[in-house]
Protein backbone atom coordinates (compact mmCIF):
# COMPACT_ATOMS: atom_id res chain seq x y z
CA MET A 1 20.73 14.38 -36.05
CA GLN A 2 17.62 16.09 -37.30
CA THR A 3 15.98 18.81 -35.22
CA VAL A 4 12.38 19.94 -35.21
CA ALA A 5 11.07 23.35 -34.22
CA VAL A 6 8.16 23.10 -31.82
CA PRO A 7 6.54 26.07 -30.11
CA LYS A 8 7.90 26.07 -26.55
CA ALA A 9 4.48 26.73 -24.98
CA ALA A 10 2.91 23.77 -26.78
CA LEU A 11 5.76 21.47 -25.78
CA THR A 12 5.82 22.49 -22.13
CA ARG A 13 2.02 22.31 -21.83
CA SER A 14 1.94 18.88 -23.45
CA LEU A 15 4.65 17.52 -21.19
CA PHE A 16 2.94 19.01 -18.14
CA GLY A 17 -0.33 17.36 -19.22
CA LEU A 18 1.44 14.01 -19.52
CA ARG A 19 3.03 14.49 -16.10
CA LEU A 20 -0.36 15.30 -14.55
CA GLY A 21 -2.10 12.37 -16.24
CA VAL A 22 0.54 9.87 -15.18
CA GLY A 23 0.61 11.42 -11.71
CA LEU A 24 -3.15 11.03 -11.37
CA VAL A 25 -3.01 7.29 -12.07
CA LEU A 26 0.00 6.74 -9.84
CA GLY A 27 -1.54 8.90 -7.12
CA MET A 28 -4.61 6.68 -7.11
CA TRP A 29 -2.37 3.60 -6.78
CA VAL A 30 -0.67 5.25 -3.81
CA LEU A 31 -3.98 6.14 -2.17
CA ASN A 32 -5.19 2.58 -2.69
CA LYS A 33 -2.38 1.33 -0.46
CA PHE A 34 -3.90 3.36 2.40
CA VAL A 35 -7.59 2.95 1.60
CA ASN A 36 -7.48 -0.74 0.67
CA PRO A 37 -4.36 -2.40 2.15
CA ALA A 38 -5.95 -5.85 1.86
CA GLY A 39 -6.42 -5.24 -1.88
CA THR A 40 -2.78 -4.19 -2.14
CA SER A 41 -1.78 -7.44 -0.47
CA GLY A 42 -3.97 -9.40 -2.89
CA VAL A 43 -2.43 -7.70 -5.94
CA LEU A 44 1.08 -8.35 -4.67
CA GLN A 45 0.25 -11.99 -3.99
CA HIS A 46 -1.53 -12.59 -7.31
CA TYR A 47 0.78 -10.76 -9.72
CA TYR A 48 4.15 -10.71 -7.94
CA GLY A 49 4.08 -13.95 -5.95
CA SER A 50 4.51 -12.01 -2.72
CA PRO A 51 3.47 -13.41 0.63
CA GLU A 52 0.52 -11.72 2.31
CA ILE A 53 1.48 -8.32 3.66
CA GLY A 54 0.03 -6.47 6.60
CA VAL A 55 -1.44 -3.01 6.83
CA ALA A 56 1.85 -1.50 8.06
CA VAL A 57 3.73 -2.81 5.00
CA SER A 58 1.04 -1.48 2.67
CA TYR A 59 1.30 1.91 4.37
CA ALA A 60 5.10 1.84 4.11
CA LEU A 61 4.92 1.01 0.40
CA GLY A 62 2.36 3.77 -0.07
CA THR A 63 4.55 6.27 1.75
CA VAL A 64 7.66 5.49 -0.32
CA GLN A 65 5.73 5.45 -3.59
CA GLY A 66 3.91 8.61 -2.55
CA MET A 67 7.18 10.47 -2.06
CA ILE A 68 8.41 9.32 -5.48
CA VAL A 69 5.15 10.30 -7.17
CA LEU A 70 5.12 13.69 -5.43
CA ALA A 71 8.69 14.38 -6.58
CA PHE A 72 7.64 13.35 -10.10
CA LEU A 73 4.54 15.58 -10.03
CA ILE A 74 6.34 18.70 -8.86
CA GLY A 75 9.27 18.15 -11.21
CA SER A 76 11.88 17.63 -8.52
CA ARG A 77 14.91 15.44 -9.21
CA LYS A 78 13.38 14.62 -12.58
CA ARG A 79 16.11 12.23 -13.73
CA VAL A 80 15.73 10.03 -10.63
CA ALA A 81 12.01 10.52 -9.95
CA THR A 82 10.95 9.86 -13.54
CA ALA A 83 13.27 6.84 -13.80
CA LEU A 84 11.77 5.40 -10.60
CA VAL A 85 8.23 6.05 -11.85
CA PHE A 86 9.16 4.32 -15.11
CA LEU A 87 10.56 1.28 -13.26
CA MET A 88 7.52 1.06 -10.96
CA HIS A 89 5.16 1.19 -13.91
CA LEU A 90 7.30 -1.20 -15.97
CA ALA A 91 7.04 -3.78 -13.18
CA SER A 92 3.27 -3.36 -12.99
CA THR A 93 3.01 -3.57 -16.77
CA LEU A 94 5.03 -6.76 -17.07
CA ALA A 95 3.66 -8.55 -13.98
CA PRO A 96 0.31 -9.58 -15.48
CA VAL A 97 1.87 -11.29 -18.52
CA ALA A 98 -0.75 -14.07 -18.43
CA ASN A 99 -3.48 -11.46 -18.89
CA TYR A 100 -1.88 -10.27 -22.14
CA LEU A 101 -1.95 -13.81 -23.49
CA ASP A 102 -5.73 -14.01 -23.00
CA PRO A 103 -6.95 -10.54 -23.98
CA TRP A 104 -10.58 -11.48 -24.66
CA THR A 105 -11.33 -12.64 -21.13
CA VAL A 106 -12.81 -9.76 -19.13
CA PRO A 107 -11.09 -7.58 -17.84
CA ASN A 108 -7.78 -8.56 -19.47
CA LEU A 109 -8.12 -6.11 -22.37
CA LEU A 110 -7.83 -3.26 -19.85
CA PHE A 111 -4.27 -4.34 -19.03
CA TYR A 112 -3.19 -3.09 -22.45
CA ALA A 113 -3.83 0.49 -21.25
CA ALA A 114 -0.61 0.21 -19.28
CA TRP A 115 1.52 0.33 -22.44
CA PRO A 116 0.63 3.87 -23.61
CA MET A 117 1.22 5.12 -20.07
CA LEU A 118 4.62 3.41 -20.05
CA ALA A 119 5.40 5.15 -23.35
CA ALA A 120 4.28 8.49 -21.88
CA ILE A 121 6.64 8.03 -18.92
CA ALA A 122 9.47 7.16 -21.31
CA ALA A 123 8.74 10.33 -23.29
CA LEU A 124 8.73 12.36 -20.08
CA TYR A 125 12.10 10.91 -19.15
CA LEU A 126 13.62 11.58 -22.55
CA LEU A 127 12.19 15.11 -22.71
CA ARG A 128 12.64 15.94 -19.00
CA ASP A 129 14.79 19.00 -19.76
CA TYR A 130 11.85 20.53 -21.67
CA ASP A 131 9.24 19.62 -19.03
CA THR A 132 9.49 22.96 -17.26
CA LEU A 133 5.90 24.13 -16.71
CA PHE A 134 5.21 24.07 -12.94
CA SER A 135 8.45 22.15 -12.48
CA MET A 136 10.47 22.67 -9.33
CA GLU A 137 13.74 22.15 -11.20
CA ALA A 138 12.82 24.77 -13.79
CA GLY A 139 12.13 27.27 -11.00
CA MET A 140 15.45 26.48 -9.33
CA GLU A 141 17.31 26.84 -12.64
CA ALA A 142 15.72 30.26 -13.26
CA LYS A 143 16.73 31.41 -9.78
CA LEU A 144 20.29 30.16 -10.30
CA ASP A 145 20.45 31.96 -13.67
CA ALA A 146 19.40 35.19 -11.98
CA LEU A 147 22.23 34.82 -9.45
CA ARG A 148 24.93 34.16 -12.07
CA PRO A 149 27.11 37.14 -13.04
CA ALA A 150 26.57 38.46 -16.56
CA GLY A 151 28.83 36.87 -19.15
CA ASP A 152 29.00 33.44 -17.43
């Protein structure tokens, strides 16, 4: 296995930037479930074949997704939170498959923007141990290190 030396500050800042960027998009999706529950129902019907959902279901989905996105943003339970974010985004990336087959019809070309974000989430998952800037887990690890006796 080949290793590469990367300045720690550059790596942690880059990963934090990715986490913020992905969190911004996902945060807007969460907010949409509260601001526009009818739109959420329409998306679920159109792309996922779901029956029409009510406002309460949209709010429940938004609440669950919001908790996952918040955990992801603050770097808590990174293995689980990032995996769940990846799976959520994977589903939303694969659902509009018909749009990928007709990219020149407006706005289908925009659906291709989902793929770089999916790759960014995969990178965040693979590099989660280095994503320490403003990460709750990094703060907990530092506190645990301070409590450990010397020589352990």
